[in-house]
C-alpha atoms as a PDB file:
ATOM      1  CA  UNK A   1     -80.911  97.027  72.038  1.00  0.00           C
ATOM      2  CA  UNK A   2     -78.657 100.067  71.323  1.00  0.00           C
ATOM      3  CA  UNK A   3     -78.189 100.703  67.609  1.00  0.00           C
ATOM      4  CA  UNK A   4     -74.396 100.576  67.980  1.00  0.00           C
ATOM      5  CA  UNK A   5     -74.667  96.988  69.256  1.00  0.00           C
ATOM      6  CA  UNK A   6     -76.852  96.043  66.299  1.00  0.00           C
ATOM      7  CA  UNK A   7     -74.313  97.476  63.856  1.00  0.00           C
ATOM      8  CA  UNK A   8     -71.473  95.586  65.569  1.00  0.00           C
ATOM      9  CA  UNK A   9     -73.434  92.348  65.251  1.00  0.00           C
ATOM     10  CA  UNK A  10     -74.001  93.026  61.565  1.00  0.00           C
ATOM     11  CA  UNK A  11     -70.294  93.706  61.173  1.00  0.00           C
ATOM     12  CA  UNK A  12     -69.415  90.259  62.495  1.00  0.00           C
ATOM     13  CA  UNK A  13     -71.868  88.564  60.147  1.00  0.00           C
ATOM     14  CA  UNK A  14     -70.426  90.383  57.113  1.00  0.00           C
ATOM     15  CA  UNK A  15     -66.762  90.091  58.081  1.00  0.00           C
ATOM     16  CA  UNK A  16     -65.724  88.485  54.804  1.00  0.00           C
ATOM     17  CA  UNK A  17     -67.901  90.601  52.515  1.00  0.00           C
ATOM     18  CA  UNK A  18     -66.056  92.895  50.115  1.00  0.00           C
ATOM     19  CA  UNK A  19     -66.978  96.549  49.755  1.00  0.00           C
ATOM     20  CA  UNK A  20     -68.341  95.936  46.245  1.00  0.00           C
ATOM     21  CA  UNK A  21     -70.545  93.095  47.480  1.00  0.00           C
ATOM     22  CA  UNK A  22     -71.851  95.089  50.402  1.00  0.00           C
ATOM     23  CA  UNK A  23     -72.519  98.109  48.191  1.00  0.00           C
ATOM     24  CA  UNK A  24     -74.418  96.007  45.657  1.00  0.00           C
ATOM     25  CA  UNK A  25     -76.528  94.471  48.405  1.00  0.00           C
ATOM     26  CA  UNK A  26     -77.233  97.888  49.936  1.00  0.00           C
ATOM     27  CA  UNK A  27     -78.161  99.465  46.602  1.00  0.00           C
ATOM     28  CA  UNK A  28     -80.551  96.650  45.697  1.00  0.00           C
ATOM     29  CA  UNK A  29     -82.276  97.108  49.050  1.00  0.00           C
ATOM     30  CA  UNK A  30     -82.505 100.869  48.576  1.00  0.00           C
ATOM     31  CA  UNK A  31     -84.167 100.580  45.149  1.00  0.00           C
ATOM     32  CA  UNK A  32     -86.944  98.446  46.624  1.00  0.00           C
ATOM     33  CA  UNK A  33     -87.226 100.587  49.754  1.00  0.00           C
ATOM     34  CA  UNK A  34     -87.278 103.829  47.753  1.00  0.00           C
ATOM     35  CA  UNK A  35     -90.024 102.571  45.447  1.00  0.00           C
ATOM     36  CA  UNK A  36     -92.178 101.744  48.470  1.00  0.00           C
ATOM     37  CA  UNK A  37     -91.349 105.097  50.076  1.00  0.00           C
ATOM     38  CA  UNK A  38     -92.320 107.113  46.990  1.00  0.00           C
ATOM     39  CA  UNK A  39     -95.523 105.150  46.487  1.00  0.00           C
ATOM     40  CA  UNK A  40     -96.594 105.618  50.096  1.00  0.00           C
ATOM     41  CA  UNK A  41     -95.864 109.335  50.454  1.00  0.00           C
ATOM     42  CA  UNK A  42     -95.875 110.718  46.869  1.00  0.00           C
ATOM     43  CA  UNK A  43     -93.378 113.482  47.681  1.00  0.00           C
ATOM     44  CA  UNK A  44     -93.633 114.925  44.158  1.00  0.00           C
ATOM     45  CA  UNK A  45     -97.144 116.100  44.971  1.00  0.00           C
ATOM     46  CA  UNK A  46     -95.750 118.612  47.492  1.00  0.00           C
ATOM     47  CA  UNK A  47     -94.741 121.982  46.088  1.00  0.00           C
ATOM     48  CA  UNK A  48     -92.423 123.024  48.936  1.00  0.00           C
ATOM     49  CA  UNK A  49     -89.709 121.395  50.994  1.00  0.00           C
ATOM     50  CA  UNK A  50     -87.654 122.649  53.906  1.00  0.00           C
ATOM     51  CA  UNK A  51     -85.000 120.990  56.036  1.00  0.00           C
ATOM     52  CA  UNK A  52     -83.912 122.196  59.457  1.00  0.00           C
ATOM     53  CA  UNK A  53     -80.623 120.894  60.862  1.00  0.00           C
ATOM     54  CA  UNK A  54     -81.354 122.300  64.312  1.00  0.00           C
ATOM     55  CA  UNK A  55     -84.516 120.225  64.822  1.00  0.00           C
ATOM     56  CA  UNK A  56     -83.519 117.422  62.445  1.00  0.00           C
ATOM     57  CA  UNK A  57     -86.827 117.707  60.590  1.00  0.00           C
ATOM     58  CA  UNK A  58     -87.490 117.590  56.844  1.00  0.00           C
ATOM     59  CA  UNK A  59     -90.839 119.141  55.891  1.00  0.00           C
ATOM     60  CA  UNK A  60     -92.860 118.862  52.681  1.00  0.00           C
ATOM     61  CA  UNK A  61     -95.877 121.106  52.255  1.00  0.00           C
ATOM     62  CA  UNK A  62     -98.595 122.508  50.026  1.00  0.00           C
ATOM     63  CA  UNK A  63    -101.115 125.204  50.843  1.00  0.00           C
ATOM     64  CA  UNK A  64    -103.249 122.646  52.661  1.00  0.00           C
ATOM     65  CA  UNK A  65    -101.060 119.666  53.567  1.00  0.00           C
ATOM     66  CA  UNK A  66     -97.817 119.070  55.441  1.00  0.00           C
ATOM     67  CA  UNK A  67     -95.579 116.044  55.874  1.00  0.00           C
ATOM     68  CA  UNK A  68     -92.710 115.856  58.398  1.00  0.00           C
ATOM     69  CA  UNK A  69     -89.856 113.385  58.676  1.00  0.00           C
ATOM     70  CA  UNK A  70     -86.864 113.008  60.926  1.00  0.00           C
ATOM     71  CA  UNK A  71     -83.697 112.782  58.835  1.00  0.00           C
ATOM     72  CA  UNK A  72     -79.994 111.968  59.055  1.00  0.00           C
ATOM     73  CA  UNK A  73     -77.547 113.855  56.854  1.00  0.00           C
ATOM     74  CA  UNK A  74     -75.255 111.347  55.152  1.00  0.00           C
ATOM     75  CA  UNK A  75     -73.027 113.823  53.347  1.00  0.00           C
ATOM     76  CA  UNK A  76     -72.815 116.391  50.572  1.00  0.00           C
ATOM     77  CA  UNK A  77     -71.636 116.347  46.965  1.00  0.00           C
ATOM     78  CA  UNK A  78     -70.207 119.503  45.440  1.00  0.00           C
ATOM     79  CA  UNK A  79     -70.975 119.830  41.731  1.00  0.00           C
ATOM     80  CA  UNK A  80     -68.358 122.584  41.596  1.00  0.00           C
ATOM     81  CA  UNK A  81     -65.383 120.569  42.883  1.00  0.00           C
ATOM     82  CA  UNK A  82     -66.755 117.049  42.258  1.00  0.00           C
ATOM     83  CA  UNK A  83     -66.074 116.031  45.843  1.00  0.00           C
ATOM     84  CA  UNK A  84     -68.010 114.109  48.477  1.00  0.00           C
ATOM     85  CA  UNK A  85     -67.916 115.171  52.146  1.00  0.00           C
ATOM     86  CA  UNK A  86     -69.179 112.804  54.832  1.00  0.00           C
ATOM     87  CA  UNK A  87     -71.318 114.584  57.399  1.00  0.00           C
ATOM     88  CA  UNK A  88     -69.324 113.153  60.317  1.00  0.00           C
ATOM     89  CA  UNK A  89     -66.315 115.056  58.910  1.00  0.00           C
ATOM     90  CA  UNK A  90     -68.191 118.304  58.273  1.00  0.00           C
ATOM     91  CA  UNK A  91     -67.960 121.008  60.947  1.00  0.00           C
ATOM     92  CA  UNK A  92     -70.851 122.883  59.318  1.00  0.00           C
ATOM     93  CA  UNK A  93     -73.264 119.996  59.870  1.00  0.00           C
ATOM     94  CA  UNK A  94     -74.981 120.134  63.256  1.00  0.00           C
ATOM     95  CA  UNK A  95     -74.675 117.163  65.661  1.00  0.00           C
ATOM     96  CA  UNK A  96     -78.456 116.678  65.631  1.00  0.00           C
ATOM     97  CA  UNK A  97     -78.426 115.316  62.069  1.00  0.00           C
ATOM     98  CA  UNK A  98     -75.016 113.622  61.897  1.00  0.00           C
ATOM     99  CA  UNK A  99     -74.560 111.846  65.239  1.00  0.00           C
ATOM    100  CA  UNK A 100     -75.824 108.487  63.956  1.00  0.00           C
ATOM    101  CA  UNK A 101     -73.404 108.647  61.019  1.00  0.00           C
ATOM    102  CA  UNK A 102     -70.660 107.719  63.455  1.00  0.00           C
ATOM    103  CA  UNK A 103     -72.059 104.180  63.164  1.00  0.00           C
ATOM    104  CA  UNK A 104     -71.321 104.159  59.417  1.00  0.00           C
ATOM    105  CA  UNK A 105     -67.794 105.383  60.150  1.00  0.00           C
ATOM    106  CA  UNK A 106     -67.379 102.643  62.753  1.00  0.00           C
ATOM    107  CA  UNK A 107     -68.605 100.040  60.270  1.00  0.00           C
ATOM    108  CA  UNK A 108     -66.084 101.270  57.696  1.00  0.00           C
ATOM    109  CA  UNK A 109     -63.220 101.054  60.180  1.00  0.00           C
ATOM    110  CA  UNK A 110     -64.115  97.523  61.292  1.00  0.00           C
ATOM    111  CA  UNK A 111     -64.224  96.335  57.680  1.00  0.00           C
ATOM    112  CA  UNK A 112     -61.347  98.465  56.386  1.00  0.00           C
ATOM    113  CA  UNK A 113     -63.680 100.053  53.816  1.00  0.00           C
ATOM    114  CA  UNK A 114     -61.557 103.107  53.030  1.00  0.00           C
ATOM    115  CA  UNK A 115     -64.343 105.009  51.262  1.00  0.00           C
ATOM    116  CA  UNK A 116     -66.433 104.962  54.433  1.00  0.00           C
ATOM    117  CA  UNK A 117     -63.599 106.355  56.556  1.00  0.00           C
ATOM    118  CA  UNK A 118     -62.208 109.092  54.273  1.00  0.00           C
ATOM    119  CA  UNK A 119     -63.839 112.425  55.060  1.00  0.00           C
ATOM    120  CA  UNK A 120     -63.371 114.120  51.678  1.00  0.00           C
ATOM    121  CA  UNK A 121     -63.365 112.133  48.427  1.00  0.00           C
ATOM    122  CA  UNK A 122     -62.885 113.118  44.773  1.00  0.00           C
ATOM    123  CA  UNK A 123     -65.759 111.383  43.018  1.00  0.00           C
ATOM    124  CA  UNK A 124     -68.913 111.711  40.895  1.00  0.00           C
ATOM    125  CA  UNK A 125     -72.539 112.294  41.889  1.00  0.00           C
ATOM    126  CA  UNK A 126     -73.582 108.649  41.486  1.00  0.00           C
ATOM    127  CA  UNK A 127     -71.260 107.593  44.280  1.00  0.00           C
ATOM    128  CA  UNK A 128     -73.147 109.902  46.625  1.00  0.00           C
ATOM    129  CA  UNK A 129     -76.192 107.701  46.069  1.00  0.00           C
ATOM    130  CA  UNK A 130     -74.075 104.629  46.729  1.00  0.00           C
ATOM    131  CA  UNK A 131     -72.859 106.022  50.045  1.00  0.00           C
ATOM    132  CA  UNK A 132     -76.436 106.943  50.921  1.00  0.00           C
ATOM    133  CA  UNK A 133     -77.610 103.411  50.125  1.00  0.00           C
ATOM    134  CA  UNK A 134     -75.022 102.034  52.553  1.00  0.00           C
ATOM    135  CA  UNK A 135     -76.054 104.503  55.256  1.00  0.00           C
ATOM    136  CA  UNK A 136     -79.744 103.728  54.714  1.00  0.00           C
ATOM    137  CA  UNK A 137     -79.081 100.022  55.173  1.00  0.00           C
ATOM    138  CA  UNK A 138     -76.923 100.383  58.291  1.00  0.00           C
ATOM    139  CA  UNK A 139     -79.234 102.923  59.924  1.00  0.00           C
ATOM    140  CA  UNK A 140     -82.414 101.100  58.893  1.00  0.00           C
ATOM    141  CA  UNK A 141     -83.831 104.141  57.115  1.00  0.00           C
ATOM    142  CA  UNK A 142     -87.272 104.182  55.527  1.00  0.00           C
ATOM    143  CA  UNK A 143     -86.070 106.040  52.430  1.00  0.00           C
ATOM    144  CA  UNK A 144     -83.733 108.735  51.124  1.00  0.00           C
ATOM    145  CA  UNK A 145     -83.944 112.296  49.821  1.00  0.00           C
ATOM    146  CA  UNK A 146     -81.592 114.732  48.121  1.00  0.00           C
ATOM    147  CA  UNK A 147     -82.338 118.466  48.184  1.00  0.00           C
ATOM    148  CA  UNK A 148     -80.088 120.752  46.135  1.00  0.00           C
ATOM    149  CA  UNK A 149     -78.690 124.031  47.465  1.00  0.00           C
ATOM    150  CA  UNK A 150     -76.709 126.060  44.911  1.00  0.00           C
ATOM    151  CA  UNK A 151     -73.735 123.843  43.943  1.00  0.00           C
ATOM    152  CA  UNK A 152     -74.242 121.494  46.881  1.00  0.00           C
ATOM    153  CA  UNK A 153     -76.322 118.319  46.847  1.00  0.00           C
ATOM    154  CA  UNK A 154     -77.326 117.134  50.297  1.00  0.00           C
ATOM    155  CA  UNK A 155     -77.927 113.402  50.713  1.00  0.00           C
ATOM    156  CA  UNK A 156     -80.281 112.310  53.494  1.00  0.00           C
ATOM    157  CA  UNK A 157     -81.604 109.136  55.065  1.00  0.00           C
ATOM    158  CA  UNK A 158     -85.222 109.459  56.205  1.00  0.00           C
ATOM    159  CA  UNK A 159     -85.514 107.724  59.564  1.00  0.00           C
ATOM    160  CA  UNK A 160     -89.161 108.191  60.605  1.00  0.00           C
ATOM    161  CA  UNK A 161     -92.440 109.979  59.978  1.00  0.00           C
ATOM    162  CA  UNK A 162     -93.286 112.643  62.576  1.00  0.00           C
ATOM    163  CA  UNK A 163     -96.799 113.674  63.531  1.00  0.00           C
ATOM    164  CA  UNK A 164     -97.497 117.246  62.390  1.00  0.00           C
ATOM    165  CA  UNK A 165     -98.455 118.476  65.866  1.00  0.00           C
ATOM    166  CA  UNK A 166     -95.309 116.978  67.373  1.00  0.00           C
ATOM    167  CA  UNK A 167     -93.220 118.478  64.565  1.00  0.00           C
ATOM    168  CA  UNK A 168     -94.735 121.912  65.231  1.00  0.00           C
ATOM    169  CA  UNK A 169     -93.919 121.663  68.927  1.00  0.00           C
ATOM    170  CA  UNK A 170     -90.356 120.573  68.178  1.00  0.00           C
ATOM    171  CA  UNK A 171     -89.764 123.383  65.679  1.00  0.00           C
ATOM    172  CA  UNK A 172     -90.946 125.938  68.227  1.00  0.00           C
ATOM    173  CA  UNK A 173     -88.075 124.894  70.504  1.00  0.00           C
ATOM    174  CA  UNK A 174     -85.578 126.422  68.041  1.00  0.00           C
ATOM    175  CA  UNK A 175     -84.878 130.059  67.247  1.00  0.00           C
ATOM    176  CA  UNK A 176     -83.041 131.996  64.548  1.00  0.00           C
ATOM    177  CA  UNK A 177     -80.172 134.058  65.915  1.00  0.00           C
ATOM    178  CA  UNK A 178     -78.470 137.052  64.347  1.00  0.00           C
ATOM    179  CA  UNK A 179     -75.093 135.928  65.738  1.00  0.00           C
ATOM    180  CA  UNK A 180     -75.321 132.161  65.285  1.00  0.00           C
ATOM    181  CA  UNK A 181     -77.005 129.531  63.138  1.00  0.00           C
ATOM    182  CA  UNK A 182     -80.469 128.288  64.123  1.00  0.00           C
ATOM    183  CA  UNK A 183     -80.265 126.884  67.649  1.00  0.00           C
ATOM    184  CA  UNK A 184     -82.344 125.534  70.499  1.00  0.00           C
ATOM    185  CA  UNK A 185     -84.100 128.265  72.442  1.00  0.00           C
ATOM    186  CA  UNK A 186     -83.111 129.337  75.948  1.00  0.00           C
ATOM    187  CA  UNK A 187     -84.855 131.564  78.487  1.00  0.00           C
ATOM    188  CA  UNK A 188     -82.954 134.170  80.513  1.00  0.00           C
ATOM    189  CA  UNK A 189     -83.873 137.196  82.609  1.00  0.00           C
ATOM    190  CA  UNK A 190     -83.556 140.646  81.067  1.00  0.00           C
ATOM    191  CA  UNK A 191     -80.564 141.501  83.256  1.00  0.00           C
ATOM    192  CA  UNK A 192     -78.236 138.807  81.898  1.00  0.00           C
ATOM    193  CA  UNK A 193     -75.806 139.930  79.172  1.00  0.00           C
ATOM    194  CA  UNK A 194     -72.448 138.928  77.705  1.00  0.00           C
ATOM    195  CA  UNK A 195     -70.780 142.152  78.831  1.00  0.00           C
ATOM    196  CA  UNK A 196     -71.613 142.452  82.539  1.00  0.00           C
ATOM    197  CA  UNK A 197     -71.358 140.014  85.434  1.00  0.00           C
ATOM    198  CA  UNK A 198     -74.625 139.802  87.324  1.00  0.00           C
ATOM    199  CA  UNK A 199     -74.492 136.204  88.567  1.00  0.00           C
ATOM    200  CA  UNK A 200     -75.929 133.117  86.886  1.00  0.00           C
ATOM    201  CA  UNK A 201     -78.582 130.850  88.394  1.00  0.00           C
ATOM    202  CA  UNK A 202     -80.066 127.879  86.530  1.00  0.00           C
ATOM    203  CA  UNK A 203     -83.091 125.666  86.858  1.00  0.00           C
ATOM    204  CA  UNK A 204     -80.622 122.731  86.654  1.00  0.00           C
ATOM    205  CA  UNK A 205     -76.956 122.300  85.776  1.00  0.00           C
ATOM    206  CA  UNK A 206     -76.385 122.506  82.018  1.00  0.00           C
ATOM    207  CA  UNK A 207     -73.678 121.902  79.429  1.00  0.00           C
ATOM    208  CA  UNK A 208     -73.752 122.879  75.765  1.00  0.00           C
ATOM    209  CA  UNK A 209     -75.347 120.365  73.355  1.00  0.00           C
ATOM    210  CA  UNK A 210     -76.717 118.307  76.250  1.00  0.00           C
ATOM    211  CA  UNK A 211     -79.744 116.080  75.748  1.00  0.00           C
ATOM    212  CA  UNK A 212     -82.625 116.848  78.094  1.00  0.00           C
ATOM    213  CA  UNK A 213     -84.026 114.034  80.235  1.00  0.00           C
ATOM    214  CA  UNK A 214     -87.514 115.500  79.869  1.00  0.00           C
ATOM    215  CA  UNK A 215     -88.665 116.696  76.424  1.00  0.00           C
ATOM    216  CA  UNK A 216     -90.401 119.654  78.106  1.00  0.00           C
ATOM    217  CA  UNK A 217     -87.154 120.964  79.629  1.00  0.00           C
ATOM    218  CA  UNK A 218     -85.492 124.175  78.418  1.00  0.00           C
ATOM    219  CA  UNK A 219     -82.351 126.126  79.262  1.00  0.00           C
ATOM    220  CA  UNK A 220     -83.399 128.648  81.945  1.00  0.00           C
ATOM    221  CA  UNK A 221     -81.228 131.133  83.833  1.00  0.00           C
ATOM    222  CA  UNK A 222     -81.522 134.329  85.843  1.00  0.00           C
ATOM    223  CA  UNK A 223     -79.227 136.800  87.618  1.00  0.00           C
ATOM    224  CA  UNK A 224     -78.489 137.114  91.361  1.00  0.00           C
ATOM    225  CA  UNK A 225     -80.939 140.013  91.739  1.00  0.00           C
ATOM    226  CA  UNK A 226     -83.720 137.874  90.251  1.00  0.00           C
ATOM    227  CA  UNK A 227     -82.761 135.023  92.578  1.00  0.00           C
ATOM    228  CA  UNK A 228     -83.198 137.288  95.614  1.00  0.00           C
ATOM    229  CA  UNK A 229     -86.628 138.377  94.394  1.00  0.00           C
ATOM    230  CA  UNK A 230     -87.588 134.765  93.616  1.00  0.00           C
ATOM    231  CA  UNK A 231     -86.635 133.593  97.115  1.00  0.00           C
ATOM    232  CA  UNK A 232     -88.371 136.555  98.757  1.00  0.00           C
ATOM    233  CA  UNK A 233     -91.595 135.658  96.893  1.00  0.00           C
ATOM    234  CA  UNK A 234     -91.307 131.909  97.536  1.00  0.00           C
ATOM    235  CA  UNK A 235     -90.890 131.114  93.854  1.00  0.00           C
ATOM    236  CA  UNK A 236     -91.762 132.436  90.435  1.00  0.00           C
ATOM    237  CA  UNK A 237     -94.979 134.287  91.156  1.00  0.00           C
ATOM    238  CA  UNK A 238     -96.284 137.180  89.025  1.00  0.00           C
ATOM    239  CA  UNK A 239     -94.182 139.745  90.883  1.00  0.00           C
ATOM    240  CA  UNK A 240     -90.942 137.780  90.460  1.00  0.00           C
ATOM    241  CA  UNK A 241     -91.681 137.079  86.789  1.00  0.00           C
ATOM    242  CA  UNK A 242     -92.315 140.778  86.144  1.00  0.00           C
ATOM    243  CA  UNK A 243     -88.998 141.693  87.766  1.00  0.00           C
ATOM    244  CA  UNK A 244     -87.148 139.084  85.674  1.00  0.00           C
ATOM    245  CA  UNK A 245     -88.648 140.161  82.351  1.00  0.00           C
ATOM    246  CA  UNK A 246     -87.789 136.873  80.643  1.00  0.00           C
ATOM    247  CA  UNK A 247     -86.340 136.972  77.120  1.00  0.00           C
ATOM    248  CA  UNK A 248     -85.454 134.265  74.593  1.00  0.00           C
ATOM    249  CA  UNK A 249     -81.937 133.698  73.241  1.00  0.00           C
ATOM    250  CA  UNK A 250     -80.313 130.847  71.320  1.00  0.00           C
ATOM    251  CA  UNK A 251     -78.358 128.066  73.019  1.00  0.00           C
ATOM    252  CA  UNK A 252     -74.949 129.421  71.951  1.00  0.00           C
ATOM    253  CA  UNK A 253     -75.772 132.890  73.279  1.00  0.00           C
ATOM    254  CA  UNK A 254     -76.933 131.259  76.515  1.00  0.00           C
ATOM    255  CA  UNK A 255     -73.576 129.586  77.095  1.00  0.00           C
ATOM    256  CA  UNK A 256     -71.618 132.669  76.094  1.00  0.00           C
ATOM    257  CA  UNK A 257     -73.608 134.566  78.732  1.00  0.00           C
ATOM    258  CA  UNK A 258     -73.057 131.746  81.208  1.00  0.00           C
ATOM    259  CA  UNK A 259     -69.303 131.887  80.656  1.00  0.00           C
ATOM    260  CA  UNK A 260     -69.264 135.663  81.200  1.00  0.00           C
ATOM    261  CA  UNK A 261     -71.282 135.429  84.397  1.00  0.00           C
ATOM    262  CA  UNK A 262     -69.542 132.457  86.011  1.00  0.00           C
END
């Protein structure tokens, strides 16, 4: 059953519950869930942590061990301005880690819980944990985490444990770009640029931020000259690949190049 349908069903069951009652219930659940989470994974034993919005992975590591989780960004608390910002209202938060937070927003609208539908709120740090408890309950998270970056505290719901090999493969699908934030990788021929029209041929039709049907798919494009060589050689043989001289760019660069060439 789609998660949105589950949330709607929960909404109907809790129609008469006040915000305070729902918050109390959510926080009690989180305390128990967080105790179990800490006992099972002992995150304090890991000396390093790293979160990656592009892949949606939160990684804990030591010199010999690594632990990977998929996470959802609930929101951020600024210790400088004492404000809370929901991730669904934050343009700097990538869709990969905030998409499911639309369900919390929907829940707030259906129940007229103003704090769940106001993007920016003047508040204190403790309320960030309260909002995270609500999100963890609605999204059926396995626990929560809060890394700190300068004056910004980032509140997360941990949704699932990811096998290390799978996490490695997923991380390799993303690249750092000098012009954009970390993005999914894309493969293009060496002739394609943002400044010159050379034609644009794709392995399949693409749109920005699309979800691939097959996890092994990538953005792939080549110019008209490469297409002629490919057809002449009945596909991507060694000769055609050498002519193309494939290079890797980020997803945003890919679509900027696509716009120029189409």
